[in-house]
Amino acid sequence: MNIEELKDFVAVVRAGSFAAASEETGVPRSTLSKRVQMLEASFDLRLLERSTRKLRLTPDGELLLPRALQLTAEADELERLMRDRSVEPRGRLRVSVPMMLGQELLGELAASYTARWPETEINVVFTDRRSDLIEDGFDCAVRIGPLPDSDYVARPLAWSHTILVASPDVIAERTLPDEPESLLDWRTISFAPGGAPVPWLLENGDRRANLKPRSAITLGSLHAVREAAIAGGGIALIPALVAADALNQRALVQIMHRWQGPASGIFIVYPSRRHVSARLRAFIDLLESILAEILPRASGGLQSAAEND
């Protein structure tokens, strides 16, 4: 048995006759007949009952057909996959990303992407609305947090925590807190995207803390919260991804390492695993490589998806 014999068997069954299958596939009728006979010989089974008017599947043919359909479809997909591997990415890629992550990563990524593959264009839409990829014309979306059930492929890239950070000047003022409740006695900066500050949810193993700091500074942007923390405004709770560069440059210091916010997954979502274009695959690979560079700088606040499995 070989895959061409299976493909011809499927083609004949679908067309209803060798003559019709020959017209549809362009394969000579005699070749189709010979290949089906060879398939039957390899199994030592009769798969088709032939008559002058029509063909009919035998019970063995009916058993084989669904598996043959699956195997030939997988063979076609594998052929497309390997062919695309050798194809240079080209064309326009449209991506939906959350505002925070997009501001942090996608400028650098977009420049690297088009520099590496000059025949591509990339259009990144920054939105916290979960767009319908097909209806809104997106090739993929980057999403953070729990995902609703859908028919889309969702591939995990990393897991991110929120972490407690402050400038070196702030932590030099007095002894650092060792319990979450002690944070309420410090100057703090709160993230307030809708006007109301977001509570600080912290975890340390099985222990949990839910704090509502009375912050003198409340800001509607995580990047503004980071900048205020760098400027000495107080302790802040921000995603490790947002803090990574400042931590690496020692502009911020992570405190109370054992207490972090709950992990949130970072996912790449796209409509179908059946055919991933070369330009989409290149984007996914580049995004993974950029995240991998950032992860060690986050002082434990980020983990690769594989480490969390």
Protein backbone atom coordinates (compact mmCIF):
# COMPACT_ATOMS: atom_id res chain seq x y z
CA MET A 1 0.00 0.00 0.00
CA ASN A 2 1.15 3.54 -0.73
CA ILE A 3 -0.47 6.94 -0.38
CA GLU A 4 -1.13 7.34 -4.12
CA GLU A 5 -3.14 4.12 -4.11
CA LEU A 6 -5.20 5.40 -1.19
CA LYS A 7 -5.74 8.76 -2.92
CA ASP A 8 -6.94 7.06 -6.09
CA PHE A 9 -9.24 4.77 -4.12
CA VAL A 10 -10.80 7.82 -2.46
CA ALA A 11 -11.08 9.64 -5.80
CA VAL A 12 -12.88 6.71 -7.43
CA VAL A 13 -15.32 6.33 -4.55
CA ARG A 14 -16.08 10.05 -4.51
CA ALA A 15 -16.57 10.25 -8.28
CA GLY A 16 -18.64 7.06 -8.45
CA SER A 17 -16.75 5.49 -11.33
CA PHE A 18 -13.26 5.09 -12.77
CA ALA A 19 -14.18 7.17 -15.82
CA ALA A 20 -15.49 10.09 -13.73
CA ALA A 21 -12.49 9.91 -11.39
CA SER A 22 -10.16 9.98 -14.39
CA GLU A 23 -11.80 13.17 -15.66
CA GLU A 24 -11.57 14.83 -12.25
CA THR A 25 -8.00 13.86 -11.42
CA GLY A 26 -6.40 13.74 -14.86
CA VAL A 27 -5.06 10.25 -14.08
CA PRO A 28 -5.70 7.69 -16.86
CA ARG A 29 -8.56 5.30 -16.15
CA SER A 30 -6.26 2.31 -16.59
CA THR A 31 -3.81 3.71 -14.00
CA LEU A 32 -6.61 4.28 -11.49
CA SER A 33 -7.88 0.74 -12.00
CA LYS A 34 -4.39 -0.72 -11.62
CA ARG A 35 -3.68 1.23 -8.42
CA VAL A 36 -6.96 0.19 -6.81
CA GLN A 37 -6.21 -3.42 -7.73
CA MET A 38 -2.75 -3.08 -6.17
CA LEU A 39 -4.33 -1.65 -3.01
CA GLU A 40 -6.72 -4.59 -2.83
CA ALA A 41 -3.83 -7.00 -3.40
CA SER A 42 -1.80 -5.44 -0.59
CA PHE A 43 -4.69 -6.10 1.83
CA ASP A 44 -5.75 -9.34 0.13
CA LEU A 45 -9.29 -7.93 0.27
CA ARG A 46 -11.96 -6.86 -2.19
CA LEU A 47 -12.71 -3.15 -1.64
CA LEU A 48 -15.02 -2.37 -4.58
CA GLU A 49 -17.76 -4.33 -6.35
CA ARG A 50 -17.56 -3.37 -10.01
CA SER A 51 -20.39 -3.43 -12.52
CA THR A 52 -20.96 -1.84 -15.91
CA ARG A 53 -23.18 0.85 -14.36
CA LYS A 54 -21.67 1.73 -10.99
CA LEU A 55 -19.28 0.87 -8.20
CA ARG A 56 -20.23 -0.22 -4.73
CA LEU A 57 -18.08 -0.41 -1.62
CA THR A 58 -17.71 -3.81 -0.04
CA PRO A 59 -17.91 -4.03 3.78
CA ASP A 60 -14.10 -3.96 3.83
CA GLY A 61 -14.12 -0.90 1.56
CA GLU A 62 -16.59 0.83 3.88
CA LEU A 63 -14.25 0.11 6.79
CA LEU A 64 -11.25 1.50 4.94
CA LEU A 65 -12.85 4.65 3.48
CA PRO A 66 -12.96 6.92 6.60
CA ARG A 67 -9.38 6.06 7.53
CA ALA A 68 -8.29 6.57 3.93
CA LEU A 69 -9.93 10.01 3.94
CA GLN A 70 -8.11 10.91 7.15
CA LEU A 71 -4.72 9.62 6.00
CA THR A 72 -4.88 11.31 2.59
CA ALA A 73 -5.94 14.61 4.17
CA GLU A 74 -3.02 14.38 6.64
CA ALA A 75 -0.64 13.55 3.79
CA ASP A 76 -1.82 16.61 1.85
CA GLU A 77 -1.40 18.79 4.94
CA LEU A 78 2.09 17.42 5.57
CA GLU A 79 3.03 18.13 1.97
CA ARG A 80 1.78 21.73 2.26
CA LEU A 81 3.56 22.15 5.59
CA MET A 82 6.93 20.99 4.28
CA ARG A 83 6.51 22.97 1.07
CA ASP A 84 5.77 26.14 3.03
CA ARG A 85 8.86 25.54 5.16
CA SER A 86 10.95 26.23 2.07
CA VAL A 87 8.89 29.26 1.05
CA GLU A 88 10.07 32.73 2.00
CA PRO A 89 7.40 34.60 4.01
CA ARG A 90 5.64 37.19 1.89
CA GLY A 91 2.42 39.17 1.86
CA ARG A 92 0.45 41.09 4.47
CA LEU A 93 -0.04 39.84 8.03
CA ARG A 94 -2.78 41.38 10.18
CA VAL A 95 -2.47 40.87 13.96
CA SER A 96 -4.67 41.79 16.93
CA VAL A 97 -2.87 42.39 20.24
CA PRO A 98 -3.85 43.66 23.72
CA MET A 99 -2.84 47.26 24.32
CA MET A 100 -0.32 46.57 27.10
CA LEU A 101 1.52 43.73 25.40
CA GLY A 102 1.43 45.47 22.03
CA GLN A 103 3.01 48.64 23.40
CA GLU A 104 5.71 46.59 25.10
CA LEU A 105 6.67 44.20 22.30
CA LEU A 106 5.14 44.80 18.91
CA GLY A 107 7.10 47.85 17.80
CA GLU A 108 10.40 45.98 18.02
CA LEU A 109 8.85 42.83 16.63
CA ALA A 110 7.28 44.59 13.61
CA ALA A 111 10.59 46.23 12.69
CA SER A 112 12.49 42.92 13.03
CA TYR A 113 9.81 41.06 11.08
CA THR A 114 9.85 43.28 7.98
CA ALA A 115 13.66 43.64 8.09
CA ARG A 116 14.13 39.88 8.15
CA TRP A 117 11.49 39.19 5.50
CA PRO A 118 11.43 42.21 3.14
CA GLU A 119 8.52 40.90 1.05
CA THR A 120 6.14 41.07 4.03
CA GLU A 121 3.92 43.78 5.50
CA ILE A 122 2.56 43.73 9.04
CA ASN A 123 -0.49 45.57 10.35
CA VAL A 124 -0.91 45.41 14.14
CA VAL A 125 -4.19 46.52 15.70
CA PHE A 126 -3.95 47.39 19.41
CA THR A 127 -7.22 46.52 21.12
CA ASP A 128 -8.37 44.91 24.35
CA ARG A 129 -11.55 43.76 22.61
CA ARG A 130 -11.48 40.07 21.67
CA SER A 131 -11.99 40.36 17.95
CA ASP A 132 -13.56 37.68 15.76
CA LEU A 133 -10.50 36.76 13.73
CA ILE A 134 -12.32 35.66 10.60
CA GLU A 135 -15.03 38.32 10.60
CA ASP A 136 -12.52 41.12 11.33
CA GLY A 137 -9.90 39.83 8.91
CA PHE A 138 -7.07 38.93 11.30
CA ASP A 139 -4.49 36.24 10.62
CA CYS A 140 -3.90 35.81 14.35
CA ALA A 141 -4.28 37.41 17.77
CA VAL A 142 -2.09 37.54 20.84
CA ARG A 143 -4.19 37.12 23.98
CA ILE A 144 -3.57 37.13 27.71
CA GLY A 145 -5.53 35.26 30.36
CA PRO A 146 -8.25 32.59 30.21
CA LEU A 147 -9.60 31.85 26.74
CA PRO A 148 -13.22 31.01 25.95
CA ASP A 149 -13.96 27.76 24.15
CA SER A 150 -13.75 28.20 20.40
CA ASP A 151 -12.76 26.45 17.19
CA TYR A 152 -9.57 28.53 17.00
CA VAL A 153 -6.13 27.08 17.63
CA ALA A 154 -4.69 28.54 20.87
CA ARG A 155 -0.97 27.94 21.35
CA PRO A 156 0.55 28.89 24.75
CA LEU A 157 3.71 31.00 24.52
CA ALA A 158 4.43 31.94 28.15
CA TRP A 159 2.94 32.46 31.61
CA SER A 160 3.22 35.87 33.25
CA HIS A 161 2.74 37.06 36.84
CA THR A 162 2.31 40.53 38.24
CA ILE A 163 5.17 41.39 40.59
CA LEU A 164 5.87 44.01 43.27
CA VAL A 165 8.47 46.57 42.26
CA ALA A 166 9.93 49.85 43.51
CA SER A 167 12.85 52.13 42.70
CA PRO A 168 16.15 51.63 44.59
CA ASP A 169 15.59 54.99 46.30
CA VAL A 170 12.20 53.91 47.69
CA ILE A 171 13.42 50.60 49.09
CA ALA A 172 16.40 52.35 50.68
CA GLU A 173 14.08 54.47 52.81
CA ARG A 174 13.36 51.78 55.43
CA THR A 175 13.19 48.03 56.06
CA LEU A 176 11.28 46.24 53.32
CA PRO A 177 7.90 44.69 54.20
CA ASP A 178 7.81 40.92 54.53
CA GLU A 179 4.04 40.43 54.67
CA PRO A 180 1.46 41.78 52.17
CA GLU A 181 -0.51 43.70 54.80
CA SER A 182 2.62 45.77 55.59
CA LEU A 183 2.43 47.19 52.06
CA LEU A 184 -0.54 49.30 53.15
CA ASP A 185 1.85 51.41 55.27
CA TRP A 186 3.99 52.29 52.26
CA ARG A 187 3.56 54.77 49.43
CA THR A 188 1.96 52.87 46.57
CA ILE A 189 0.97 53.40 42.94
CA SER A 190 -2.25 51.81 41.69
CA PHE A 191 -3.39 50.86 38.22
CA ALA A 192 -6.88 52.23 37.54
CA PRO A 193 -7.87 51.52 33.90
CA GLY A 194 -11.54 52.43 34.41
CA GLY A 195 -11.06 55.05 37.09
CA ALA A 196 -11.30 52.64 40.04
CA PRO A 197 -7.99 51.14 41.30
CA VAL A 198 -7.48 47.44 40.63
CA PRO A 199 -7.09 45.43 43.90
CA TRP A 200 -3.76 43.78 44.52
CA LEU A 201 -4.23 40.00 44.40
CA LEU A 202 -1.13 38.20 45.67
CA GLU A 203 -0.25 34.52 46.13
CA ASN A 204 2.49 32.69 48.00
CA GLY A 205 1.92 28.95 47.65
CA ASP A 206 -1.42 28.26 49.33
CA ARG A 207 -1.55 31.70 50.95
CA ARG A 208 -3.61 34.50 49.40
CA ALA A 209 -3.88 38.23 50.01
CA ASN A 210 -6.37 40.69 48.56
CA LEU A 211 -5.28 44.26 49.23
CA LYS A 212 -6.81 47.63 48.41
CA PRO A 213 -4.01 50.15 48.86
CA ARG A 214 -4.92 53.80 49.36
CA SER A 215 -2.53 55.04 46.72
CA ALA A 216 -1.63 58.70 46.34
CA ILE A 217 -1.04 57.96 42.64
CA THR A 218 -3.56 56.16 40.46
CA LEU A 219 -2.91 55.86 36.72
CA GLY A 220 -4.88 54.38 33.84
CA SER A 221 -1.84 52.96 32.02
CA LEU A 222 0.49 50.21 33.19
CA HIS A 223 3.36 51.91 31.42
CA ALA A 224 2.61 55.11 33.33
CA VAL A 225 2.55 53.08 36.58
CA ARG A 226 5.98 51.70 35.71
CA GLU A 227 7.38 55.15 34.96
CA ALA A 228 5.96 56.53 38.21
CA ALA A 229 7.61 53.67 40.11
CA ILE A 230 10.95 54.34 38.40
CA ALA A 231 10.60 58.01 39.40
CA GLY A 232 10.24 57.02 43.06
CA GLY A 233 6.47 57.34 43.44
CA GLY A 234 6.19 54.20 45.55
CA ILE A 235 5.64 50.44 45.32
CA ALA A 236 3.69 49.17 42.33
CA LEU A 237 2.20 45.84 41.25
CA ILE A 238 2.73 45.41 37.49
CA PRO A 239 3.16 42.57 34.98
CA ALA A 240 6.67 41.17 34.90
CA LEU A 241 6.68 41.68 31.13
CA VAL A 242 6.19 45.44 31.64
CA ALA A 243 8.85 45.57 34.36
CA ALA A 244 11.46 43.44 32.58
CA ASP A 245 13.61 46.16 30.97
CA ALA A 246 13.55 48.39 34.07
CA LEU A 247 14.56 45.42 36.23
CA ASN A 248 17.39 44.58 33.86
CA GLN A 249 18.64 48.18 33.97
CA ARG A 250 18.29 48.31 37.77
CA ALA A 251 15.83 51.18 37.48
CA LEU A 252 13.39 48.99 39.42
CA VAL A 253 13.92 46.27 42.00
CA GLN A 254 11.54 43.39 42.60
CA ILE A 255 10.52 43.04 46.26
CA MET A 256 8.80 40.26 48.21
CA HIS A 257 9.69 37.74 45.50
CA ARG A 258 7.56 35.00 47.04
CA TRP A 259 4.40 37.08 46.69
CA GLN A 260 3.17 37.43 43.11
CA GLY A 261 -0.08 37.88 41.27
CA PRO A 262 -1.83 34.81 39.75
CA ALA A 263 -0.26 33.51 36.54
CA SER A 264 -1.80 34.60 33.24
CA GLY A 265 -1.17 32.73 30.01
CA ILE A 266 0.08 34.48 26.88
CA PHE A 267 -1.34 32.76 23.79
CA ILE A 268 -1.16 33.04 20.03
CA VAL A 269 -4.59 32.32 18.52
CA TYR A 270 -5.31 31.64 14.86
CA PRO A 271 -8.24 30.25 12.89
CA SER A 272 -7.04 26.82 11.72
CA ARG A 273 -4.24 24.34 12.17
CA ARG A 274 -4.96 22.93 8.71
CA HIS A 275 -2.80 25.45 6.88
CA VAL A 276 -0.49 27.92 8.59
CA SER A 277 1.06 30.34 6.09
CA ALA A 278 4.80 30.96 6.01
CA ARG A 279 4.28 34.57 7.10
CA LEU A 280 2.21 33.52 10.14
CA ARG A 281 4.67 30.82 11.12
CA ALA A 282 7.51 33.36 10.88
CA PHE A 283 5.60 35.77 13.14
CA ILE A 284 4.96 33.07 15.75
CA ASP A 285 8.61 31.98 15.75
CA LEU A 286 9.82 35.57 16.10
CA LEU A 287 7.39 36.35 18.93
CA GLU A 288 8.52 33.24 20.80
CA SER A 289 12.18 34.21 20.40
CA ILE A 290 11.55 37.75 21.71
CA LEU A 291 9.63 36.41 24.72
CA ALA A 292 12.44 33.94 25.37
CA GLU A 293 14.92 36.84 25.50
CA ILE A 294 12.74 38.74 27.96
CA LEU A 295 11.94 35.85 30.31
CA PRO A 296 15.31 35.70 32.15
CA ARG A 297 15.17 39.47 32.76
CA ALA A 298 11.88 39.23 34.61
CA SER A 299 13.44 37.86 37.82
CA GLY A 300 11.15 34.86 37.95
CA GLY A 301 8.02 36.80 37.06
CA LEU A 302 7.71 35.04 33.72
CA GLN A 303 7.95 31.39 32.82
CA SER A 304 8.05 29.75 29.45
CA ALA A 305 4.94 27.74 28.66
CA ALA A 306 6.99 24.54 28.64
CA GLU A 307 8.23 25.17 32.18
CA ASN A 308 4.69 25.43 33.43
CA ASP A 309 3.48 22.16 31.87
